[in-house]
Amino acid sequence: MSEAAGLTLAEGVAHDPAGLAAVRKRATPMKILLVDDDELFLEFAAAMLRASGAVVETCASATEAMAALHLDDDKPAQDFDAVLIDIVMPEVSGTELCSLIRGHGGYGDLPVIMISATRDMSLIDQALTAGGSSYIQKPIQAATFAEEIRQKIAAARG
């Protein structure tokens, strides 16, 4: 029993279930879908996220990502904390993929973080207008990348 609070641990948990839930949530690793046609960047970014404890699934194309997200079938939506998408990709652009994700009923509140080396503001604006939650400029900063993703997820979820 805590003399200062006058509560046993069990009583304290009963009075603060949200605090316990917050601890559990921190203990659960982020689950990220990372989509980029640049294999080197895909490996590097995935390694940075995994080093921070995240679970990362990678896709080298929008078509692979559509399959991973079950956008073309009747399977339930995947439980990702966020999708990180390169804006400029061949065949299906990141902007088009973002729009498809937003059109799927199971992903309305999923943070979609757009990533690109482009400096073309019209492409970035199009990606955000298509439903991108936020944007990260390449090259990424290895030391802060995972924390930046956590912050963007938190901001997108309000």
C-alpha atoms as a PDB file:
ATOM      1  CA  MET A   1       0.000   0.000   0.000  1.00  0.00           C
ATOM      2  CA  SER A   2       1.221   3.445  -0.849  1.00  0.00           C
ATOM      3  CA  GLU A   3       0.923   5.506   2.313  1.00  0.00           C
ATOM      4  CA  ALA A   4       1.136   8.753   0.372  1.00  0.00           C
ATOM      5  CA  ALA A   5      -1.816   7.884  -1.812  1.00  0.00           C
ATOM      6  CA  GLY A   6      -3.546   5.548   0.608  1.00  0.00           C
ATOM      7  CA  LEU A   7      -4.113   3.034  -2.202  1.00  0.00           C
ATOM      8  CA  THR A   8      -2.947  -0.462  -2.981  1.00  0.00           C
ATOM      9  CA  LEU A   9      -1.576  -1.077  -6.468  1.00  0.00           C
ATOM     10  CA  ALA A  10      -4.804  -2.775  -7.540  1.00  0.00           C
ATOM     11  CA  GLU A  11      -6.866   0.168  -6.278  1.00  0.00           C
ATOM     12  CA  GLY A  12      -4.563   2.619  -8.041  1.00  0.00           C
ATOM     13  CA  VAL A  13      -4.948   0.769 -11.338  1.00  0.00           C
ATOM     14  CA  ALA A  14      -8.711   0.759 -10.891  1.00  0.00           C
ATOM     15  CA  HIS A  15      -8.617   4.530 -10.432  1.00  0.00           C
ATOM     16  CA  ASP A  16      -6.295   5.107 -13.416  1.00  0.00           C
ATOM     17  CA  PRO A  17      -7.073   2.619 -16.172  1.00  0.00           C
ATOM     18  CA  ALA A  18      -6.113   5.151 -18.860  1.00  0.00           C
ATOM     19  CA  GLY A  19      -2.620   5.382 -17.409  1.00  0.00           C
ATOM     20  CA  LEU A  20      -2.212   1.629 -17.645  1.00  0.00           C
ATOM     21  CA  ALA A  21      -3.541   1.660 -21.197  1.00  0.00           C
ATOM     22  CA  ALA A  22      -0.999   4.336 -22.115  1.00  0.00           C
ATOM     23  CA  VAL A  23       1.814   2.141 -20.793  1.00  0.00           C
ATOM     24  CA  ARG A  24       0.510  -0.832 -22.774  1.00  0.00           C
ATOM     25  CA  LYS A  25       0.242   1.272 -25.927  1.00  0.00           C
ATOM     26  CA  ARG A  26       3.885   2.406 -25.595  1.00  0.00           C
ATOM     27  CA  ALA A  27       4.903  -1.219 -25.150  1.00  0.00           C
ATOM     28  CA  THR A  28       3.276  -2.146 -28.465  1.00  0.00           C
ATOM     29  CA  PRO A  29       5.649  -1.479 -31.371  1.00  0.00           C
ATOM     30  CA  MET A  30       4.597   0.711 -34.273  1.00  0.00           C
ATOM     31  CA  LYS A  31       3.466  -1.317 -37.293  1.00  0.00           C
ATOM     32  CA  ILE A  32       4.495   0.488 -40.468  1.00  0.00           C
ATOM     33  CA  LEU A  33       3.971  -0.231 -44.160  1.00  0.00           C
ATOM     34  CA  LEU A  34       6.847   1.350 -46.089  1.00  0.00           C
ATOM     35  CA  VAL A  35       6.405   1.795 -49.862  1.00  0.00           C
ATOM     36  CA  ASP A  36       9.263   2.975 -52.105  1.00  0.00           C
ATOM     37  CA  ASP A  37      10.616   1.863 -55.467  1.00  0.00           C
ATOM     38  CA  ASP A  38      14.192   2.701 -54.376  1.00  0.00           C
ATOM     39  CA  GLU A  39      15.420  -0.586 -52.867  1.00  0.00           C
ATOM     40  CA  LEU A  40      18.362   1.067 -51.098  1.00  0.00           C
ATOM     41  CA  PHE A  41      16.123   3.646 -49.409  1.00  0.00           C
ATOM     42  CA  LEU A  42      13.589   0.935 -48.561  1.00  0.00           C
ATOM     43  CA  GLU A  43      16.253  -1.134 -46.771  1.00  0.00           C
ATOM     44  CA  PHE A  44      17.769   1.899 -45.012  1.00  0.00           C
ATOM     45  CA  ALA A  45      14.469   3.359 -43.785  1.00  0.00           C
ATOM     46  CA  ALA A  46      13.181  -0.050 -42.689  1.00  0.00           C
ATOM     47  CA  ALA A  47      16.401  -0.656 -40.740  1.00  0.00           C
ATOM     48  CA  MET A  48      16.067   2.713 -38.975  1.00  0.00           C
ATOM     49  CA  LEU A  49      12.473   1.977 -37.984  1.00  0.00           C
ATOM     50  CA  ARG A  50      13.226  -1.586 -36.901  1.00  0.00           C
ATOM     51  CA  ALA A  51      16.152  -0.372 -34.785  1.00  0.00           C
ATOM     52  CA  SER A  52      13.639   1.730 -32.846  1.00  0.00           C
ATOM     53  CA  GLY A  53      11.456  -1.330 -32.231  1.00  0.00           C
ATOM     54  CA  ALA A  54       8.941  -0.878 -35.067  1.00  0.00           C
ATOM     55  CA  VAL A  55       7.512  -3.749 -37.071  1.00  0.00           C
ATOM     56  CA  VAL A  56       7.993  -2.865 -40.727  1.00  0.00           C
ATOM     57  CA  GLU A  57       6.540  -4.408 -43.864  1.00  0.00           C
ATOM     58  CA  THR A  58       8.139  -3.194 -47.095  1.00  0.00           C
ATOM     59  CA  CYS A  59       6.756  -2.935 -50.610  1.00  0.00           C
ATOM     60  CA  ALA A  60       8.802  -1.948 -53.665  1.00  0.00           C
ATOM     61  CA  SER A  61       5.765  -0.770 -55.664  1.00  0.00           C
ATOM     62  CA  ALA A  62       2.280   0.578 -55.288  1.00  0.00           C
ATOM     63  CA  THR A  63       0.961  -2.709 -56.665  1.00  0.00           C
ATOM     64  CA  GLU A  64       2.664  -4.635 -53.833  1.00  0.00           C
ATOM     65  CA  ALA A  65       1.251  -2.145 -51.329  1.00  0.00           C
ATOM     66  CA  MET A  66      -2.278  -2.543 -52.722  1.00  0.00           C
ATOM     67  CA  ALA A  67      -1.971  -6.302 -52.136  1.00  0.00           C
ATOM     68  CA  ALA A  68      -0.536  -5.816 -48.618  1.00  0.00           C
ATOM     69  CA  LEU A  69      -3.402  -3.466 -47.756  1.00  0.00           C
ATOM     70  CA  HIS A  70      -6.031  -5.707 -49.407  1.00  0.00           C
ATOM     71  CA  LEU A  71      -7.307  -2.826 -51.527  1.00  0.00           C
ATOM     72  CA  ASP A  72      -8.314  -5.157 -54.387  1.00  0.00           C
ATOM     73  CA  ASP A  73     -10.026  -7.924 -52.422  1.00  0.00           C
ATOM     74  CA  ASP A  74     -12.667  -8.380 -49.764  1.00  0.00           C
ATOM     75  CA  LYS A  75     -10.262  -9.189 -46.929  1.00  0.00           C
ATOM     76  CA  PRO A  76     -10.360  -6.918 -43.868  1.00  0.00           C
ATOM     77  CA  ALA A  77      -8.082  -3.901 -43.587  1.00  0.00           C
ATOM     78  CA  GLN A  78      -4.621  -4.513 -42.138  1.00  0.00           C
ATOM     79  CA  ASP A  79      -3.766  -3.101 -38.724  1.00  0.00           C
ATOM     80  CA  PHE A  80      -0.980  -0.648 -39.605  1.00  0.00           C
ATOM     81  CA  ASP A  81      -0.196   2.411 -37.491  1.00  0.00           C
ATOM     82  CA  ALA A  82       0.892   4.287 -40.622  1.00  0.00           C
ATOM     83  CA  VAL A  83       1.796   3.929 -44.279  1.00  0.00           C
ATOM     84  CA  LEU A  84       4.879   5.744 -45.582  1.00  0.00           C
ATOM     85  CA  ILE A  85       4.766   6.252 -49.349  1.00  0.00           C
ATOM     86  CA  ASP A  86       7.242   7.656 -51.832  1.00  0.00           C
ATOM     87  CA  ILE A  87       5.448  10.202 -54.020  1.00  0.00           C
ATOM     88  CA  VAL A  88       7.328   9.514 -57.258  1.00  0.00           C
ATOM     89  CA  MET A  89       7.080   5.866 -58.316  1.00  0.00           C
ATOM     90  CA  PRO A  90       6.666   4.208 -61.729  1.00  0.00           C
ATOM     91  CA  GLU A  91       3.350   2.801 -62.970  1.00  0.00           C
ATOM     92  CA  VAL A  92       1.225   3.891 -59.996  1.00  0.00           C
ATOM     93  CA  SER A  93       2.439   7.021 -58.197  1.00  0.00           C
ATOM     94  CA  GLY A  94       2.435   7.464 -54.456  1.00  0.00           C
ATOM     95  CA  THR A  95      -0.264  10.101 -54.888  1.00  0.00           C
ATOM     96  CA  GLU A  96      -2.493   7.625 -56.733  1.00  0.00           C
ATOM     97  CA  LEU A  97      -1.828   4.985 -54.061  1.00  0.00           C
ATOM     98  CA  CYS A  98      -2.721   7.481 -51.335  1.00  0.00           C
ATOM     99  CA  SER A  99      -6.005   8.236 -53.089  1.00  0.00           C
ATOM    100  CA  LEU A 100      -6.794   4.503 -53.342  1.00  0.00           C
ATOM    101  CA  ILE A 101      -6.054   4.040 -49.639  1.00  0.00           C
ATOM    102  CA  ARG A 102      -8.349   6.930 -48.727  1.00  0.00           C
ATOM    103  CA  GLY A 103     -11.084   5.416 -50.918  1.00  0.00           C
ATOM    104  CA  HIS A 104     -10.989   2.153 -48.943  1.00  0.00           C
ATOM    105  CA  GLY A 105     -13.450   2.172 -46.070  1.00  0.00           C
ATOM    106  CA  GLY A 106     -11.074   0.548 -43.599  1.00  0.00           C
ATOM    107  CA  TYR A 107      -8.362   3.183 -43.824  1.00  0.00           C
ATOM    108  CA  GLY A 108     -10.139   6.495 -43.288  1.00  0.00           C
ATOM    109  CA  ASP A 109      -8.083   7.501 -40.251  1.00  0.00           C
ATOM    110  CA  LEU A 110      -4.830   5.726 -41.133  1.00  0.00           C
ATOM    111  CA  PRO A 111      -1.915   8.178 -41.184  1.00  0.00           C
ATOM    112  CA  VAL A 112      -0.443   8.242 -44.701  1.00  0.00           C
ATOM    113  CA  ILE A 113       2.953   9.921 -44.603  1.00  0.00           C
ATOM    114  CA  MET A 114       4.310  10.953 -47.975  1.00  0.00           C
ATOM    115  CA  ILE A 115       8.080  10.817 -48.511  1.00  0.00           C
ATOM    116  CA  SER A 116      10.063  12.105 -51.473  1.00  0.00           C
ATOM    117  CA  ALA A 117      13.262  13.694 -52.664  1.00  0.00           C
ATOM    118  CA  THR A 118      11.287  15.922 -55.010  1.00  0.00           C
ATOM    119  CA  ARG A 119      11.369  19.644 -54.443  1.00  0.00           C
ATOM    120  CA  ASP A 120       8.419  20.141 -56.796  1.00  0.00           C
ATOM    121  CA  MET A 121       5.823  21.752 -54.527  1.00  0.00           C
ATOM    122  CA  SER A 122       2.983  20.956 -56.946  1.00  0.00           C
ATOM    123  CA  LEU A 123       3.688  17.204 -56.584  1.00  0.00           C
ATOM    124  CA  ILE A 124       3.849  17.512 -52.808  1.00  0.00           C
ATOM    125  CA  ASP A 125       0.601  19.531 -52.742  1.00  0.00           C
ATOM    126  CA  GLN A 126      -1.113  16.932 -54.952  1.00  0.00           C
ATOM    127  CA  ALA A 127      -0.040  14.142 -52.591  1.00  0.00           C
ATOM    128  CA  LEU A 128      -1.347  15.974 -49.547  1.00  0.00           C
ATOM    129  CA  THR A 129      -4.578  16.891 -51.342  1.00  0.00           C
ATOM    130  CA  ALA A 130      -5.046  13.203 -52.249  1.00  0.00           C
ATOM    131  CA  GLY A 131      -5.142  12.418 -48.540  1.00  0.00           C
ATOM    132  CA  GLY A 132      -1.571  12.432 -47.324  1.00  0.00           C
ATOM    133  CA  SER A 133      -1.446  13.214 -43.617  1.00  0.00           C
ATOM    134  CA  SER A 134       2.004  14.802 -43.769  1.00  0.00           C
ATOM    135  CA  TYR A 135       5.253  14.923 -45.704  1.00  0.00           C
ATOM    136  CA  ILE A 136       8.909  14.075 -45.040  1.00  0.00           C
ATOM    137  CA  GLN A 137      11.684  15.325 -47.302  1.00  0.00           C
ATOM    138  CA  LYS A 138      14.437  12.916 -48.362  1.00  0.00           C
ATOM    139  CA  PRO A 139      17.172  12.420 -47.436  1.00  0.00           C
ATOM    140  CA  ILE A 140      15.905  11.333 -44.036  1.00  0.00           C
ATOM    141  CA  GLN A 141      17.837  11.936 -40.843  1.00  0.00           C
ATOM    142  CA  ALA A 142      18.720   8.507 -39.452  1.00  0.00           C
ATOM    143  CA  ALA A 143      19.017   9.724 -35.852  1.00  0.00           C
ATOM    144  CA  THR A 144      15.527  11.240 -35.757  1.00  0.00           C
ATOM    145  CA  PHE A 145      13.559   9.351 -38.419  1.00  0.00           C
ATOM    146  CA  ALA A 146      11.651   6.928 -36.160  1.00  0.00           C
ATOM    147  CA  GLU A 147      10.755   9.663 -33.660  1.00  0.00           C
ATOM    148  CA  GLU A 148       9.581  11.908 -36.501  1.00  0.00           C
ATOM    149  CA  ILE A 149       7.295   9.096 -37.694  1.00  0.00           C
ATOM    150  CA  ARG A 150       5.920   8.631 -34.143  1.00  0.00           C
ATOM    151  CA  GLN A 151       5.210  12.358 -33.897  1.00  0.00           C
ATOM    152  CA  LYS A 152       3.485  12.442 -37.285  1.00  0.00           C
ATOM    153  CA  ILE A 153       1.328   9.458 -36.335  1.00  0.00           C
ATOM    154  CA  ALA A 154       0.351  11.170 -33.062  1.00  0.00           C
ATOM    155  CA  ALA A 155      -0.410  14.447 -34.876  1.00  0.00           C
ATOM    156  CA  ALA A 156      -2.523  12.676 -37.493  1.00  0.00           C
ATOM    157  CA  ARG A 157      -4.531  10.883 -34.837  1.00  0.00           C
ATOM    158  CA  GLY A 158      -5.000  14.069 -32.828  1.00  0.00           C
END
